Protein backbone atom coordinates (compact mmCIF):
# COMPACT_ATOMS: atom_id res chain seq x y z
CA UNK A 1 -9.40 12.92 -18.85
CA UNK A 2 -12.16 10.77 -20.47
CA UNK A 3 -14.02 7.82 -19.09
CA UNK A 4 -13.86 4.80 -21.56
CA UNK A 5 -15.92 1.66 -21.42
CA UNK A 6 -15.94 0.69 -25.15
CA UNK A 7 -19.68 1.79 -25.63
CA UNK A 8 -20.67 4.02 -28.52
CA UNK A 9 -21.23 6.77 -25.94
CA UNK A 10 -17.72 6.51 -24.50
CA UNK A 11 -16.24 6.56 -28.01
CA UNK A 12 -18.17 9.62 -28.76
CA UNK A 13 -16.76 11.07 -25.43
CA UNK A 14 -13.21 10.02 -26.51
CA UNK A 15 -13.53 11.92 -29.69
CA UNK A 16 -14.86 15.05 -27.87
CA UNK A 17 -11.99 14.74 -25.32
CA UNK A 18 -9.48 14.49 -28.11
CA UNK A 19 -10.89 17.59 -29.69
CA UNK A 20 -10.78 19.46 -26.41
CA UNK A 21 -7.13 18.29 -25.87
CA UNK A 22 -6.18 19.51 -29.37
CA UNK A 23 -7.92 22.76 -28.69
CA UNK A 24 -6.09 23.44 -25.39
CA UNK A 25 -2.78 21.64 -26.24
CA UNK A 26 -3.30 19.06 -23.39
CA UNK A 27 -2.67 15.41 -23.43
CA UNK A 28 -5.55 12.92 -23.77
CA UNK A 29 -5.90 10.58 -20.82
CA UNK A 30 -8.45 7.79 -21.47
CA UNK A 31 -9.29 6.09 -18.32
CA UNK A 32 -10.91 2.62 -18.09
CA UNK A 33 -11.94 1.51 -14.45
CA UNK A 34 -12.29 -2.11 -13.77
CA UNK A 35 -13.29 -4.49 -10.92
CA UNK A 36 -12.53 -8.13 -10.31
CA UNK A 37 -15.43 -10.52 -11.43
CA UNK A 38 -17.92 -10.61 -8.57
CA UNK A 39 -16.77 -7.03 -7.36
CA UNK A 40 -14.25 -6.27 -4.68
CA UNK A 41 -16.28 -7.91 -1.94
CA UNK A 42 -16.48 -11.15 -3.86
CA UNK A 43 -12.79 -11.10 -4.58
CA UNK A 44 -11.85 -10.54 -0.84
CA UNK A 45 -14.17 -13.55 0.04
CA UNK A 46 -12.45 -15.82 -2.54
CA UNK A 47 -9.19 -14.41 -3.91
CA UNK A 48 -7.91 -15.96 -7.05
CA UNK A 49 -4.75 -14.17 -8.39
CA UNK A 50 -4.93 -15.82 -11.81
CA UNK A 51 -8.37 -14.57 -12.27
CA UNK A 52 -7.37 -11.16 -11.09
CA UNK A 53 -4.45 -11.06 -13.70
CA UNK A 54 -7.01 -12.19 -16.48
CA UNK A 55 -9.46 -9.52 -15.56
CA UNK A 56 -6.58 -6.81 -15.51
CA UNK A 57 -5.37 -8.12 -19.00
CA UNK A 58 -9.05 -7.97 -20.28
CA UNK A 59 -9.44 -4.33 -19.10
CA UNK A 60 -6.11 -3.35 -20.80
CA UNK A 61 -7.32 -5.03 -24.07
CA UNK A 62 -10.72 -3.39 -23.75
CA UNK A 63 -9.09 0.07 -23.49
CA UNK A 64 -6.78 -0.75 -26.54
CA UNK A 65 -9.81 -1.89 -28.57
CA UNK A 66 -11.77 1.29 -27.62
CA UNK A 67 -8.81 3.46 -28.75
CA UNK A 68 -8.52 1.48 -31.95
CA UNK A 69 -12.26 1.79 -32.64
CA UNK A 70 -12.16 5.56 -31.84
CA UNK A 71 -9.24 6.43 -34.09
CA UNK A 72 -9.10 3.52 -36.36
CA UNK A 73 -5.41 3.00 -35.65
CA UNK A 74 -4.61 6.70 -36.70
CA UNK A 75 -2.85 9.29 -34.53
CA UNK A 76 -5.34 11.12 -32.20
CA UNK A 77 -3.32 14.30 -32.96
CA UNK A 78 -2.38 14.75 -29.29
CA UNK A 79 -0.27 12.76 -26.75
CA UNK A 80 -2.29 9.85 -25.45
CA UNK A 81 -1.65 8.46 -21.99
CA UNK A 82 -4.14 5.56 -21.48
CA UNK A 83 -4.77 4.52 -17.79
CA UNK A 84 -6.30 1.34 -16.54
CA UNK A 85 -7.37 1.53 -12.96
CA UNK A 86 -8.80 -0.95 -10.52
CA UNK A 87 -11.91 0.39 -8.77
CA UNK A 88 -15.47 1.70 -9.19
CA UNK A 89 -15.90 3.88 -12.14
CA UNK A 90 -17.02 7.18 -10.50
CA UNK A 91 -14.52 7.21 -7.72
CA UNK A 92 -11.63 6.13 -10.00
CA UNK A 93 -12.41 8.87 -12.48
CA UNK A 94 -12.68 11.60 -9.82
CA UNK A 95 -9.47 10.34 -8.16
CA UNK A 96 -7.59 10.66 -11.43
CA UNK A 97 -9.09 13.90 -12.56
CA UNK A 98 -8.14 15.64 -9.34
CA UNK A 99 -6.84 19.00 -10.45
CA UNK A 100 -9.02 22.13 -10.94
CA UNK A 101 -7.60 22.60 -14.40
CA UNK A 102 -8.43 18.95 -15.55
CA UNK A 103 -11.49 18.36 -17.72
CA UNK A 104 -13.39 15.11 -17.22
CA UNK A 105 -15.42 14.05 -20.28
CA UNK A 106 -18.07 11.32 -19.88
CA UNK A 107 -20.38 9.71 -22.43
CA UNK A 108 -23.54 7.75 -22.17
CA UNK A 109 -23.66 3.88 -22.25
CA UNK A 110 -26.07 1.79 -24.15
CA UNK A 111 -29.36 0.19 -23.03
CA UNK A 112 -31.75 1.23 -20.24
CA UNK A 113 -29.85 -0.57 -17.50
CA UNK A 114 -26.40 0.61 -18.55
CA UNK A 115 -27.71 4.15 -19.01
CA UNK A 116 -29.00 4.16 -15.52
CA UNK A 117 -25.55 3.02 -14.25
CA UNK A 118 -23.86 5.66 -16.42
CA UNK A 119 -26.13 8.29 -14.99
CA UNK A 120 -24.99 7.33 -11.56
CA UNK A 121 -21.43 7.60 -12.70
CA UNK A 122 -22.04 11.03 -14.26
CA UNK A 123 -23.97 12.27 -11.23
CA UNK A 124 -21.18 11.04 -8.96
CA UNK A 125 -18.52 12.75 -10.95
CA UNK A 126 -20.64 16.01 -11.20
CA UNK A 127 -21.00 16.00 -7.41
CA UNK A 128 -17.48 15.04 -6.40
CA UNK A 129 -14.99 16.20 -9.07
CA UNK A 130 -12.61 18.81 -8.34
CA UNK A 131 -12.53 19.81 -12.12
CA UNK A 132 -15.22 20.60 -14.77
CA UNK A 133 -17.16 17.60 -16.13
CA UNK A 134 -18.43 17.45 -19.63
CA UNK A 135 -21.05 14.93 -20.53
CA UNK A 136 -21.47 14.07 -24.22
CA UNK A 137 -24.89 13.30 -25.52
CA UNK A 138 -25.80 9.85 -26.87
CA UNK A 139 -24.70 9.58 -30.55
CA UNK A 140 -27.50 9.35 -33.04
CA UNK A 141 -26.36 5.84 -34.24
CA UNK A 142 -26.53 4.54 -30.71
CA UNK A 143 -30.11 5.96 -30.34
CA UNK A 144 -31.10 4.38 -33.51
CA UNK A 145 -29.56 0.92 -32.43
CA UNK A 146 -31.31 1.16 -29.07
CA UNK A 147 -34.61 1.80 -30.80
CA UNK A 148 -34.13 -1.04 -33.18
CA UNK A 149 -33.16 -3.40 -30.21
CA UNK A 150 -36.42 -2.43 -28.43
CA UNK A 151 -38.54 -2.90 -31.45
CA UNK A 152 -37.05 -6.37 -32.20
CA UNK A 153 -37.34 -7.34 -28.48
CA UNK A 154 -41.04 -6.51 -28.56
CA UNK A 155 -41.55 -7.98 -31.89
CA UNK A 156 -42.55 -4.72 -33.38
CA UNK A 157 -42.20 -3.91 -37.06
CA UNK A 158 -38.92 -2.20 -38.05
CA UNK A 159 -37.70 -0.09 -40.98
CA UNK A 160 -40.16 0.14 -43.94
CA UNK A 161 -42.49 -2.37 -42.22
CA UNK A 162 -43.02 0.13 -39.32
CA UNK A 163 -43.83 2.85 -41.82
CA UNK A 164 -46.36 0.64 -43.49
CA UNK A 165 -47.99 -0.45 -40.30
CA UNK A 166 -48.19 3.26 -39.27
CA UNK A 167 -49.95 4.10 -42.65
CA UNK A 168 -52.39 1.24 -42.22
CA UNK A 169 -53.30 2.11 -38.57
């Protein structure tokens, strides 16, 4: 089982889960958890079936897009059984990876806010899962992109300009 969100971290986790599935002869089960816009409480207060249908379709598409991005349309080398489930990410993953012989693979999301949220998911899964949980480190490209984003947000020099500024200072 592998938690998928579409982030670079979840794509790295998808690759690692595929490698583990090939190594052990298991199927790859990418899981994308989704909630209605406004969360479950908001939906209960103002139900809108067409909105719910659209949100489910968007989640299905996001999982297909993540699989396409991870494997570039090529065969993953193992049977792939994608699952889209309605619910909070942590509890949904733990519910699906419920056997001791399962392996739950998680990646890191992007950005400080997302990373904090993902840590909560990873912590929840580590605490509650009945199976081993493997967390995949943030890919180097994602770290570089986050650094570039921070530098541009704070109007700091980037690339060669950053090196020149360091040499002057």
